[in-house]
């Protein structure tokens, strides 16, 4: 009972200090998705504030990101088939999954959907929030948010309203945001949304 009481008070005090902006939360964030979805470009833009062209990811990239009062240890693990075999090695103590989909590449939706389903089934990620970014909406061939949700079977998983909704026991926060990394639009809303679940 004393141990519970101590940790209960510790959590309450930490939450209070965090809400006042006096404590910095640290979380591990993974950028996942198929190759050419925009993971490296988004991570680089968040880290440097500049948009730059990126070569295909050969080995995992790491950046420390400060977003609000949260410091993220962010990893871009690559999305080509051989890189995906390494994803499992990084699943310990993850705070957020950022799953990026190329909204212009309908031919690979099935493959990307399979990978997302595998992640959603992992016991280590059962309570981890997922931000799903439908990237490249600046391109005329990009699908709509409705079509993306339907193609990926996300309607039943999604936190409606994109606001903070109390999460039932045994479920996770998951939401779709359409974005254009090139035009720097849409992704900030995703990070603002997920930060609510990290306090």
N, C-alpha and C. Protein backbone atom coordinates (compact mmCIF):
# COMPACT_ATOMS: atom_id res chain seq x y z
N UNK A 1 0.82 -1.20 0.00
CA UNK A 1 0.00 0.00 0.00
C UNK A 1 0.86 1.26 0.00
N UNK A 2 1.96 1.25 0.79
CA UNK A 2 2.84 2.42 0.84
C UNK A 2 3.48 2.68 -0.51
N UNK A 3 3.88 1.59 -1.22
CA UNK A 3 4.49 1.75 -2.53
C UNK A 3 3.50 2.38 -3.49
N UNK A 4 2.26 1.88 -3.50
CA UNK A 4 1.24 2.45 -4.38
C UNK A 4 1.01 3.92 -4.06
N UNK A 5 0.95 4.21 -2.77
CA UNK A 5 0.71 5.59 -2.35
C UNK A 5 1.82 6.51 -2.82
N UNK A 6 3.08 6.06 -2.68
CA UNK A 6 4.22 6.87 -3.12
C UNK A 6 4.14 7.14 -4.62
N UNK A 7 3.93 6.07 -5.40
CA UNK A 7 3.90 6.23 -6.86
C UNK A 7 2.67 7.00 -7.30
N UNK A 8 1.57 6.84 -6.57
CA UNK A 8 0.38 7.62 -6.88
C UNK A 8 0.65 9.11 -6.71
N UNK A 9 1.27 9.47 -5.60
CA UNK A 9 1.62 10.88 -5.36
C UNK A 9 2.64 11.38 -6.36
N UNK A 10 3.64 10.54 -6.65
CA UNK A 10 4.68 10.92 -7.61
C UNK A 10 4.06 11.22 -8.97
N UNK A 11 3.14 10.34 -9.43
CA UNK A 11 2.49 10.55 -10.73
C UNK A 11 1.66 11.82 -10.73
N UNK A 12 0.95 12.05 -9.62
CA UNK A 12 0.09 13.24 -9.53
C UNK A 12 0.94 14.51 -9.59
N UNK A 13 2.05 14.52 -8.84
CA UNK A 13 2.93 15.70 -8.83
C UNK A 13 3.56 15.91 -10.20
N UNK A 14 4.00 14.81 -10.83
CA UNK A 14 4.60 14.92 -12.17
C UNK A 14 3.59 15.47 -13.17
N UNK A 15 2.33 14.96 -13.10
CA UNK A 15 1.28 15.45 -14.01
C UNK A 15 1.04 16.94 -13.80
N UNK A 16 1.01 17.35 -12.53
CA UNK A 16 0.79 18.76 -12.23
C UNK A 16 1.92 19.63 -12.78
N UNK A 17 3.16 19.21 -12.52
CA UNK A 17 4.32 19.99 -13.00
C UNK A 17 4.36 20.01 -14.53
N UNK A 18 4.02 18.87 -15.14
CA UNK A 18 4.01 18.80 -16.60
C UNK A 18 2.97 19.74 -17.18
N UNK A 19 1.77 19.77 -16.56
CA UNK A 19 0.72 20.66 -17.06
C UNK A 19 1.11 22.12 -16.93
N UNK A 20 1.98 22.41 -15.98
CA UNK A 20 2.47 23.78 -15.83
C UNK A 20 3.70 24.06 -16.71
N UNK A 21 4.14 23.03 -17.44
CA UNK A 21 5.29 23.19 -18.33
C UNK A 21 6.62 23.16 -17.60
N UNK A 22 6.63 22.60 -16.38
CA UNK A 22 7.86 22.60 -15.58
C UNK A 22 8.63 21.30 -15.67
N UNK A 23 8.03 20.28 -16.27
CA UNK A 23 8.71 19.00 -16.43
C UNK A 23 8.67 18.63 -17.91
N UNK A 24 9.78 18.17 -18.43
CA UNK A 24 9.84 17.77 -19.83
C UNK A 24 9.64 16.26 -19.92
N UNK A 25 8.67 15.84 -20.71
CA UNK A 25 8.41 14.41 -20.90
C UNK A 25 9.34 13.90 -21.99
N UNK A 26 9.86 12.69 -21.81
CA UNK A 26 10.70 12.07 -22.84
C UNK A 26 10.01 10.83 -23.35
N UNK A 27 9.94 10.70 -24.65
CA UNK A 27 9.27 9.56 -25.28
C UNK A 27 10.07 9.08 -26.48
N UNK A 28 9.92 7.79 -26.79
CA UNK A 28 10.52 7.21 -27.99
C UNK A 28 9.46 7.20 -29.08
N UNK A 29 9.82 7.68 -30.25
CA UNK A 29 8.90 7.76 -31.38
C UNK A 29 9.50 7.03 -32.58
N UNK A 30 8.70 6.19 -33.23
CA UNK A 30 9.15 5.48 -34.42
C UNK A 30 8.41 5.98 -35.65
N UNK A 31 9.15 6.30 -36.71
CA UNK A 31 8.58 6.68 -38.00
C UNK A 31 8.60 5.43 -38.88
N UNK A 32 7.42 4.91 -39.19
CA UNK A 32 7.31 3.66 -39.94
C UNK A 32 6.42 3.86 -41.15
N UNK A 33 6.48 2.90 -42.07
CA UNK A 33 5.72 2.94 -43.31
C UNK A 33 6.59 2.39 -44.43
N UNK A 34 6.00 2.22 -45.59
CA UNK A 34 6.76 1.70 -46.73
C UNK A 34 7.78 2.73 -47.20
N UNK A 35 8.73 2.26 -48.00
CA UNK A 35 9.72 3.15 -48.59
C UNK A 35 9.02 4.18 -49.48
N UNK A 36 9.60 5.36 -49.55
CA UNK A 36 9.12 6.46 -50.39
C UNK A 36 7.81 7.10 -49.89
N UNK A 37 7.46 6.86 -48.62
CA UNK A 37 6.23 7.46 -48.08
C UNK A 37 6.47 8.88 -47.56
N UNK A 38 7.73 9.19 -47.20
CA UNK A 38 8.04 10.53 -46.71
C UNK A 38 8.54 10.57 -45.27
N UNK A 39 8.90 9.42 -44.72
CA UNK A 39 9.35 9.34 -43.32
C UNK A 39 10.61 10.17 -43.07
N UNK A 40 11.63 9.96 -43.89
CA UNK A 40 12.90 10.65 -43.70
C UNK A 40 12.75 12.15 -43.94
N UNK A 41 11.96 12.51 -44.93
CA UNK A 41 11.73 13.93 -45.22
C UNK A 41 11.02 14.61 -44.05
N UNK A 42 10.01 13.95 -43.48
CA UNK A 42 9.29 14.53 -42.35
C UNK A 42 10.21 14.65 -41.13
N UNK A 43 10.94 13.60 -40.82
CA UNK A 43 11.83 13.65 -39.66
C UNK A 43 12.88 14.74 -39.84
N UNK A 44 13.47 14.83 -41.03
CA UNK A 44 14.46 15.87 -41.30
C UNK A 44 13.90 17.27 -41.18
N UNK A 45 12.67 17.45 -41.67
CA UNK A 45 12.01 18.76 -41.59
C UNK A 45 11.74 19.14 -40.14
N UNK A 46 11.27 18.18 -39.34
CA UNK A 46 11.01 18.45 -37.92
C UNK A 46 12.30 18.77 -37.17
N UNK A 47 13.39 18.07 -37.53
CA UNK A 47 14.66 18.26 -36.81
C UNK A 47 15.36 19.55 -37.18
N UNK A 48 15.35 19.91 -38.47
CA UNK A 48 16.14 21.06 -38.92
C UNK A 48 15.31 22.30 -39.23
N UNK A 49 14.01 22.09 -39.43
CA UNK A 49 13.16 23.21 -39.83
C UNK A 49 13.25 23.51 -41.31
N UNK A 50 14.05 22.72 -42.03
CA UNK A 50 14.23 22.94 -43.48
C UNK A 50 13.82 21.69 -44.24
N UNK A 51 13.25 21.92 -45.40
CA UNK A 51 12.88 20.81 -46.28
C UNK A 51 14.06 20.52 -47.19
N UNK A 52 14.44 19.25 -47.24
CA UNK A 52 15.53 18.88 -48.16
C UNK A 52 15.24 17.51 -48.75
N UNK A 53 15.78 17.28 -49.93
CA UNK A 53 15.57 15.99 -50.57
C UNK A 53 16.41 14.95 -49.84
N UNK A 54 15.88 13.74 -49.77
CA UNK A 54 16.55 12.67 -49.01
C UNK A 54 16.78 11.46 -49.90
N UNK A 55 17.89 10.80 -49.67
CA UNK A 55 18.16 9.53 -50.34
C UNK A 55 17.38 8.43 -49.62
N UNK A 56 17.13 7.30 -50.29
CA UNK A 56 16.46 6.20 -49.61
C UNK A 56 17.21 5.81 -48.33
N UNK A 57 16.44 5.47 -47.30
CA UNK A 57 17.03 5.14 -46.00
C UNK A 57 17.65 3.76 -46.04
N UNK A 58 18.95 3.70 -45.79
CA UNK A 58 19.66 2.42 -45.80
C UNK A 58 19.77 1.86 -44.38
N UNK A 59 20.07 2.74 -43.43
CA UNK A 59 20.14 2.32 -42.03
C UNK A 59 19.30 3.29 -41.20
N UNK A 60 18.87 2.90 -39.99
CA UNK A 60 18.01 3.77 -39.19
C UNK A 60 18.62 5.15 -38.95
N UNK A 61 17.77 6.17 -39.04
CA UNK A 61 18.15 7.54 -38.72
C UNK A 61 17.62 7.88 -37.34
N UNK A 62 18.35 8.72 -36.62
CA UNK A 62 17.92 9.14 -35.28
C UNK A 62 17.99 10.65 -35.16
N UNK A 63 16.98 11.24 -34.56
CA UNK A 63 16.96 12.67 -34.25
C UNK A 63 16.31 12.86 -32.89
N UNK A 64 16.75 13.86 -32.16
CA UNK A 64 16.06 14.25 -30.94
C UNK A 64 15.18 15.44 -31.29
N UNK A 65 13.89 15.32 -31.04
CA UNK A 65 12.93 16.36 -31.40
C UNK A 65 12.31 16.93 -30.13
N UNK A 66 12.21 18.24 -30.06
CA UNK A 66 11.50 18.89 -28.97
C UNK A 66 10.22 19.49 -29.53
N UNK A 67 9.09 18.88 -29.17
CA UNK A 67 7.79 19.34 -29.62
C UNK A 67 6.97 19.69 -28.38
N UNK A 68 6.80 20.98 -28.13
CA UNK A 68 6.12 21.41 -26.92
C UNK A 68 6.96 21.04 -25.71
N UNK A 69 6.33 20.40 -24.73
CA UNK A 69 7.09 20.00 -23.54
C UNK A 69 7.50 18.53 -23.59
N UNK A 70 7.50 17.96 -24.80
CA UNK A 70 7.89 16.56 -24.97
C UNK A 70 9.16 16.49 -25.80
N UNK A 71 10.16 15.75 -25.31
CA UNK A 71 11.37 15.46 -26.06
C UNK A 71 11.25 14.05 -26.60
N UNK A 72 11.33 13.92 -27.91
CA UNK A 72 11.20 12.61 -28.55
C UNK A 72 12.56 12.11 -29.02
N UNK A 73 12.85 10.86 -28.71
CA UNK A 73 13.97 10.14 -29.32
C UNK A 73 13.34 9.50 -30.57
N UNK A 74 13.53 10.13 -31.73
CA UNK A 74 12.80 9.74 -32.94
C UNK A 74 13.67 8.91 -33.87
N UNK A 75 13.13 7.79 -34.31
CA UNK A 75 13.85 6.88 -35.20
C UNK A 75 13.07 6.71 -36.50
N UNK A 76 13.74 6.91 -37.61
CA UNK A 76 13.21 6.58 -38.94
C UNK A 76 13.89 5.27 -39.31
N UNK A 77 13.12 4.20 -39.38
CA UNK A 77 13.72 2.86 -39.54
C UNK A 77 13.79 2.39 -40.98
N UNK A 78 13.33 3.21 -41.92
CA UNK A 78 13.35 2.76 -43.32
C UNK A 78 12.12 1.92 -43.60
N UNK A 79 11.75 1.83 -44.88
CA UNK A 79 10.53 1.11 -45.23
C UNK A 79 10.67 0.07 -46.31
N UNK A 80 11.89 -0.08 -46.89
CA UNK A 80 12.04 -1.14 -47.88
C UNK A 80 11.95 -2.50 -47.17
N UNK A 81 11.72 -3.53 -47.93
CA UNK A 81 11.38 -4.82 -47.35
C UNK A 81 12.40 -5.34 -46.35
N UNK A 82 13.68 -5.23 -46.64
CA UNK A 82 14.69 -5.73 -45.70
C UNK A 82 14.76 -4.89 -44.43
N UNK A 83 14.49 -3.58 -44.54
CA UNK A 83 14.50 -2.71 -43.35
C UNK A 83 13.37 -3.06 -42.40
N UNK A 84 12.26 -3.52 -42.94
CA UNK A 84 11.10 -3.83 -42.10
C UNK A 84 11.37 -4.98 -41.15
N UNK A 85 12.35 -5.82 -41.49
CA UNK A 85 12.69 -6.93 -40.58
C UNK A 85 13.33 -6.40 -39.30
N UNK A 86 13.84 -5.17 -39.31
CA UNK A 86 14.46 -4.57 -38.11
C UNK A 86 13.45 -3.86 -37.21
N UNK A 87 12.26 -3.58 -37.69
CA UNK A 87 11.30 -2.82 -36.91
C UNK A 87 11.08 -3.42 -35.53
N UNK A 88 10.96 -4.75 -35.49
CA UNK A 88 10.69 -5.46 -34.24
C UNK A 88 11.73 -5.12 -33.16
N UNK A 89 12.97 -4.91 -33.56
CA UNK A 89 14.05 -4.65 -32.59
C UNK A 89 13.88 -3.31 -31.86
N UNK A 90 13.06 -2.43 -32.38
CA UNK A 90 12.90 -1.09 -31.80
C UNK A 90 11.59 -0.92 -31.03
N UNK A 91 10.84 -1.99 -30.84
CA UNK A 91 9.50 -1.88 -30.28
C UNK A 91 9.43 -1.79 -28.75
N UNK A 92 10.57 -1.76 -28.09
CA UNK A 92 10.58 -1.69 -26.63
C UNK A 92 10.39 -0.25 -26.17
N UNK A 93 9.46 -0.05 -25.23
CA UNK A 93 9.22 1.24 -24.60
C UNK A 93 8.98 2.37 -25.61
N UNK A 94 8.14 2.10 -26.57
CA UNK A 94 7.78 3.11 -27.57
C UNK A 94 6.66 3.98 -27.01
N UNK A 95 6.75 5.29 -27.23
CA UNK A 95 5.71 6.21 -26.77
C UNK A 95 4.71 6.55 -27.85
N UNK A 96 5.17 6.61 -29.12
CA UNK A 96 4.31 6.99 -30.24
C UNK A 96 4.78 6.28 -31.51
N UNK A 97 3.82 5.83 -32.31
CA UNK A 97 4.12 5.34 -33.65
C UNK A 97 3.58 6.37 -34.65
N UNK A 98 4.44 6.79 -35.56
CA UNK A 98 4.04 7.65 -36.67
C UNK A 98 4.10 6.76 -37.92
N UNK A 99 2.92 6.43 -38.46
CA UNK A 99 2.87 5.57 -39.63
C UNK A 99 2.50 6.41 -40.84
N UNK A 100 3.38 6.43 -41.83
CA UNK A 100 3.20 7.32 -42.98
C UNK A 100 2.85 6.51 -44.22
N UNK A 101 1.82 6.97 -44.90
CA UNK A 101 1.33 6.32 -46.12
C UNK A 101 1.47 7.30 -47.28
N UNK A 102 1.97 6.82 -48.39
CA UNK A 102 2.01 7.62 -49.62
C UNK A 102 0.60 7.60 -50.20
N UNK A 103 -0.12 8.71 -50.05
CA UNK A 103 -1.52 8.77 -50.48
C UNK A 103 -1.69 8.75 -51.99
N UNK A 104 -0.59 8.79 -52.74
CA UNK A 104 -0.67 8.75 -54.20
C UNK A 104 -0.45 7.34 -54.76
N UNK A 105 0.02 6.42 -53.91
CA UNK A 105 0.45 5.11 -54.39
C UNK A 105 -0.57 4.02 -54.07
N UNK A 106 -1.72 4.07 -54.76
CA UNK A 106 -2.80 3.10 -54.52
C UNK A 106 -2.33 1.66 -54.70
N UNK A 107 -1.40 1.45 -55.63
CA UNK A 107 -0.94 0.09 -55.93
C UNK A 107 -0.29 -0.58 -54.73
N UNK A 108 0.21 0.23 -53.77
CA UNK A 108 0.90 -0.35 -52.62
C UNK A 108 0.07 -0.25 -51.33
N UNK A 109 -1.19 0.17 -51.46
CA UNK A 109 -2.03 0.29 -50.27
C UNK A 109 -2.18 -1.05 -49.55
N UNK A 110 -2.38 -2.11 -50.31
CA UNK A 110 -2.56 -3.43 -49.69
C UNK A 110 -1.33 -3.84 -48.89
N UNK A 111 -0.15 -3.63 -49.48
CA UNK A 111 1.11 -3.96 -48.80
C UNK A 111 1.27 -3.11 -47.53
N UNK A 112 1.00 -1.82 -47.64
CA UNK A 112 1.12 -0.92 -46.50
C UNK A 112 0.10 -1.27 -45.42
N UNK A 113 -1.10 -1.62 -45.84
CA UNK A 113 -2.15 -2.02 -44.90
C UNK A 113 -1.73 -3.26 -44.11
N UNK A 114 -1.12 -4.22 -44.80
CA UNK A 114 -0.64 -5.44 -44.13
C UNK A 114 0.36 -5.09 -43.04
N UNK A 115 1.32 -4.20 -43.35
CA UNK A 115 2.34 -3.81 -42.37
C UNK A 115 1.70 -3.09 -41.18
N UNK A 116 0.74 -2.22 -41.45
CA UNK A 116 0.06 -1.51 -40.37
C UNK A 116 -0.68 -2.49 -39.47
N UNK A 117 -1.36 -3.46 -40.06
CA UNK A 117 -2.10 -4.45 -39.27
C UNK A 117 -1.15 -5.26 -38.38
N UNK A 118 0.02 -5.59 -38.91
CA UNK A 118 1.01 -6.31 -38.10
C UNK A 118 1.41 -5.48 -36.87
N UNK A 119 1.62 -4.20 -37.07
CA UNK A 119 1.98 -3.32 -35.95
C UNK A 119 0.85 -3.24 -34.94
N UNK A 120 -0.37 -3.10 -35.41
CA UNK A 120 -1.52 -2.97 -34.50
C UNK A 120 -1.75 -4.23 -33.68
N UNK A 121 -1.26 -5.37 -34.18
CA UNK A 121 -1.42 -6.64 -33.45
C UNK A 121 -0.32 -6.89 -32.43
N UNK A 122 0.75 -6.11 -32.46
CA UNK A 122 1.89 -6.37 -31.56
C UNK A 122 1.53 -6.07 -30.11
N UNK A 123 1.71 -7.04 -29.20
CA UNK A 123 1.39 -6.82 -27.79
C UNK A 123 2.14 -5.63 -27.18
N UNK A 124 3.40 -5.42 -27.58
CA UNK A 124 4.19 -4.31 -27.02
C UNK A 124 3.62 -2.95 -27.39
N UNK A 125 2.79 -2.89 -28.42
CA UNK A 125 2.24 -1.62 -28.89
C UNK A 125 0.75 -1.47 -28.56
N UNK A 126 0.23 -2.34 -27.71
CA UNK A 126 -1.21 -2.39 -27.45
C UNK A 126 -1.78 -1.07 -26.94
N UNK A 127 -1.00 -0.29 -26.21
CA UNK A 127 -1.51 0.97 -25.66
C UNK A 127 -0.82 2.20 -26.26
N UNK A 128 -0.03 1.98 -27.29
CA UNK A 128 0.75 3.07 -27.88
C UNK A 128 -0.10 3.85 -28.88
N UNK A 129 -0.13 5.20 -28.76
CA UNK A 129 -0.87 6.00 -29.75
C UNK A 129 -0.25 5.89 -31.14
N UNK A 130 -1.11 5.85 -32.15
CA UNK A 130 -0.69 5.82 -33.55
C UNK A 130 -1.17 7.08 -34.25
N UNK A 131 -0.25 7.81 -34.88
CA UNK A 131 -0.63 8.87 -35.81
C UNK A 131 -0.46 8.28 -37.20
N UNK A 132 -1.53 8.30 -37.99
CA UNK A 132 -1.46 7.83 -39.37
C UNK A 132 -1.48 9.06 -40.27
N UNK A 133 -0.38 9.27 -41.00
CA UNK A 133 -0.31 10.39 -41.93
C UNK A 133 -0.51 9.89 -43.36
N UNK A 134 -1.51 10.44 -44.04
CA UNK A 134 -1.67 10.23 -45.47
C UNK A 134 -0.91 11.36 -46.16
N UNK A 135 0.30 11.09 -46.60
CA UNK A 135 1.21 12.13 -47.11
C UNK A 135 1.03 12.34 -48.63
N UNK A 136 1.54 13.47 -49.08
CA UNK A 136 1.59 13.85 -50.50
C UNK A 136 0.25 14.33 -51.04
N UNK A 137 -0.56 14.96 -50.19
CA UNK A 137 -1.85 15.46 -50.67
C UNK A 137 -1.71 16.66 -51.60
N UNK A 138 -0.47 17.16 -51.74
CA UNK A 138 -0.23 18.23 -52.72
C UNK A 138 -0.26 17.69 -54.15
N UNK A 139 -0.23 16.39 -54.31
CA UNK A 139 -0.23 15.78 -55.64
C UNK A 139 -1.66 15.52 -56.09
N UNK A 140 -1.98 15.77 -57.36
CA UNK A 140 -3.36 15.61 -57.83
C UNK A 140 -3.88 14.18 -57.73
N UNK A 141 -2.99 13.19 -57.77
CA UNK A 141 -3.44 11.79 -57.73
C UNK A 141 -3.64 11.25 -56.32
N UNK A 142 -3.44 12.09 -55.30
CA UNK A 142 -3.62 11.65 -53.91
C UNK A 142 -5.07 11.31 -53.64
N UNK A 143 -5.30 10.26 -52.85
CA UNK A 143 -6.66 9.86 -52.49
C UNK A 143 -7.21 10.80 -51.41
N UNK A 144 -8.50 10.78 -51.23
CA UNK A 144 -9.14 11.57 -50.17
C UNK A 144 -8.94 10.86 -48.83
N UNK A 145 -9.20 11.58 -47.75
CA UNK A 145 -9.11 10.96 -46.43
C UNK A 145 -10.10 9.81 -46.31
N UNK A 146 -11.30 9.99 -46.85
CA UNK A 146 -12.32 8.93 -46.79
C UNK A 146 -11.83 7.65 -47.48
N UNK A 147 -11.24 7.81 -48.67
CA UNK A 147 -10.75 6.63 -49.40
C UNK A 147 -9.59 5.98 -48.67
N UNK A 148 -8.72 6.79 -48.08
CA UNK A 148 -7.58 6.23 -47.34
C UNK A 148 -8.08 5.43 -46.14
N UNK A 149 -9.02 6.01 -45.39
CA UNK A 149 -9.57 5.29 -44.22
C UNK A 149 -10.20 3.96 -44.65
N UNK A 150 -10.97 3.99 -45.74
CA UNK A 150 -11.63 2.77 -46.20
C UNK A 150 -10.61 1.73 -46.67
N UNK A 151 -9.60 2.18 -47.39
CA UNK A 151 -8.57 1.26 -47.91
C UNK A 151 -7.78 0.59 -46.80
N UNK A 152 -7.62 1.29 -45.68
CA UNK A 152 -6.81 0.77 -44.57
C UNK A 152 -7.66 0.23 -43.41
N UNK A 153 -8.97 0.18 -43.60
CA UNK A 153 -9.85 -0.37 -42.57
C UNK A 153 -9.76 0.37 -41.25
N UNK A 154 -9.61 1.70 -41.31
CA UNK A 154 -9.37 2.47 -40.10
C UNK A 154 -10.62 3.06 -39.45
N UNK A 155 -11.75 3.00 -40.11
CA UNK A 155 -12.94 3.66 -39.57
C UNK A 155 -13.28 3.16 -38.17
N UNK A 156 -13.16 1.88 -37.91
CA UNK A 156 -13.54 1.34 -36.60
C UNK A 156 -12.49 1.60 -35.52
N UNK A 157 -11.29 2.00 -35.90
CA UNK A 157 -10.21 2.23 -34.93
C UNK A 157 -10.07 3.69 -34.52
N UNK A 158 -10.66 4.57 -35.29
CA UNK A 158 -10.29 5.97 -35.20
C UNK A 158 -10.97 6.70 -34.06
N UNK A 159 -10.20 7.57 -33.39
CA UNK A 159 -10.72 8.44 -32.35
C UNK A 159 -11.47 9.55 -33.07
N UNK A 160 -12.78 9.58 -32.94
CA UNK A 160 -13.57 10.53 -33.71
C UNK A 160 -13.38 11.96 -33.22
N UNK A 161 -13.53 12.90 -34.13
CA UNK A 161 -13.48 14.30 -33.77
C UNK A 161 -12.10 14.91 -33.69
N UNK A 162 -11.06 14.09 -33.70
CA UNK A 162 -9.67 14.55 -33.63
C UNK A 162 -9.40 15.41 -32.40
N UNK A 163 -10.25 15.30 -31.41
CA UNK A 163 -10.01 15.95 -30.13
C UNK A 163 -9.59 14.89 -29.14
N UNK A 164 -9.41 15.28 -27.88
CA UNK A 164 -9.04 14.29 -26.88
C UNK A 164 -10.30 13.59 -26.41
N UNK A 165 -10.33 12.28 -26.61
CA UNK A 165 -11.48 11.49 -26.22
C UNK A 165 -10.97 10.49 -25.19
N UNK A 166 -11.66 10.32 -24.07
CA UNK A 166 -11.22 9.31 -23.11
C UNK A 166 -11.13 7.94 -23.80
N UNK A 167 -10.05 7.25 -23.56
CA UNK A 167 -9.82 5.97 -24.22
C UNK A 167 -10.29 4.84 -23.31
N UNK A 168 -11.13 3.95 -23.85
CA UNK A 168 -11.59 2.80 -23.08
C UNK A 168 -10.43 1.86 -22.80
N UNK A 169 -10.51 1.17 -21.68
CA UNK A 169 -9.48 0.19 -21.31
C UNK A 169 -9.30 -0.82 -22.44
N UNK A 170 -8.06 -1.09 -22.80
CA UNK A 170 -7.78 -2.06 -23.83
C UNK A 170 -7.76 -1.51 -25.25
N UNK A 171 -7.97 -0.19 -25.40
CA UNK A 171 -7.89 0.41 -26.73
C UNK A 171 -6.77 1.43 -26.77
N UNK A 172 -6.46 1.92 -27.94
CA UNK A 172 -5.38 2.90 -28.09
C UNK A 172 -5.89 4.10 -28.87
N UNK A 173 -5.28 5.28 -28.64
CA UNK A 173 -5.59 6.42 -29.50
C UNK A 173 -5.00 6.18 -30.88
N UNK A 174 -5.81 6.38 -31.91
CA UNK A 174 -5.32 6.26 -33.29
C UNK A 174 -6.12 7.24 -34.15
N UNK A 175 -5.42 7.99 -34.98
CA UNK A 175 -6.11 8.99 -35.79
C UNK A 175 -5.39 9.19 -37.11
N UNK A 176 -6.16 9.58 -38.12
CA UNK A 176 -5.65 9.83 -39.47
C UNK A 176 -5.57 11.33 -39.71
N UNK A 177 -4.45 11.76 -40.26
CA UNK A 177 -4.26 13.15 -40.66
C UNK A 177 -3.70 13.16 -42.08
N UNK A 178 -4.36 13.85 -42.96
CA UNK A 178 -3.85 14.01 -44.32
C UNK A 178 -2.87 15.17 -44.30
N UNK A 179 -1.74 15.00 -44.99
CA UNK A 179 -0.70 16.02 -44.90
C UNK A 179 0.11 16.11 -46.20
N UNK A 180 0.88 17.17 -46.27
CA UNK A 180 1.88 17.34 -47.31
C UNK A 180 3.16 17.80 -46.63
N UNK A 181 4.13 16.91 -46.54
CA UNK A 181 5.40 17.30 -45.92
C UNK A 181 6.06 18.39 -46.75
N UNK A 182 5.97 18.28 -48.07
CA UNK A 182 6.57 19.27 -48.96
C UNK A 182 5.98 20.66 -48.72
N UNK A 183 4.67 20.72 -48.55
CA UNK A 183 4.01 22.01 -48.31
C UNK A 183 3.91 22.37 -46.82
N UNK A 184 4.48 21.50 -45.99
CA UNK A 184 4.47 21.71 -44.53
C UNK A 184 3.07 21.92 -43.99
N UNK A 185 2.16 21.07 -44.40
CA UNK A 185 0.77 21.20 -43.92
C UNK A 185 0.24 19.87 -43.41
N UNK A 186 -0.59 19.94 -42.38
CA UNK A 186 -1.30 18.76 -41.89
C UNK A 186 -0.62 17.99 -40.78
N UNK A 187 0.71 17.92 -40.78
CA UNK A 187 1.36 17.06 -39.80
C UNK A 187 1.44 17.69 -38.41
N UNK A 188 1.47 19.01 -38.31
CA UNK A 188 1.53 19.65 -36.99
C UNK A 188 0.30 19.29 -36.17
N UNK A 189 -0.85 19.24 -36.84
CA UNK A 189 -2.09 18.88 -36.15
C UNK A 189 -1.99 17.47 -35.56
N UNK A 190 -1.33 16.58 -36.27
CA UNK A 190 -1.16 15.21 -35.77
C UNK A 190 -0.34 15.17 -34.51
N UNK A 191 0.75 15.93 -34.46
CA UNK A 191 1.59 15.93 -33.26
C UNK A 191 0.91 16.64 -32.09
N UNK A 192 0.13 17.68 -32.40
CA UNK A 192 -0.63 18.34 -31.33
C UNK A 192 -1.64 17.37 -30.73
N UNK A 193 -2.31 16.63 -31.62
CA UNK A 193 -3.30 15.65 -31.17
C UNK A 193 -2.67 14.60 -30.25
N UNK A 194 -1.55 14.02 -30.68
CA UNK A 194 -0.98 12.92 -29.90
C UNK A 194 -0.37 13.40 -28.60
N UNK A 195 0.07 14.65 -28.54
CA UNK A 195 0.71 15.15 -27.30
C UNK A 195 -0.24 15.13 -26.12
N UNK A 196 -1.56 15.16 -26.39
CA UNK A 196 -2.54 15.10 -25.31
C UNK A 196 -2.47 13.79 -24.54
N UNK A 197 -2.05 12.72 -25.22
CA UNK A 197 -2.03 11.39 -24.61
C UNK A 197 -0.68 11.08 -23.96
N UNK A 198 0.23 12.03 -23.94
CA UNK A 198 1.56 11.78 -23.39
C UNK A 198 1.78 12.52 -22.07
N UNK A 199 0.75 13.08 -21.50
CA UNK A 199 0.90 13.84 -20.26
C UNK A 199 0.39 13.04 -19.08
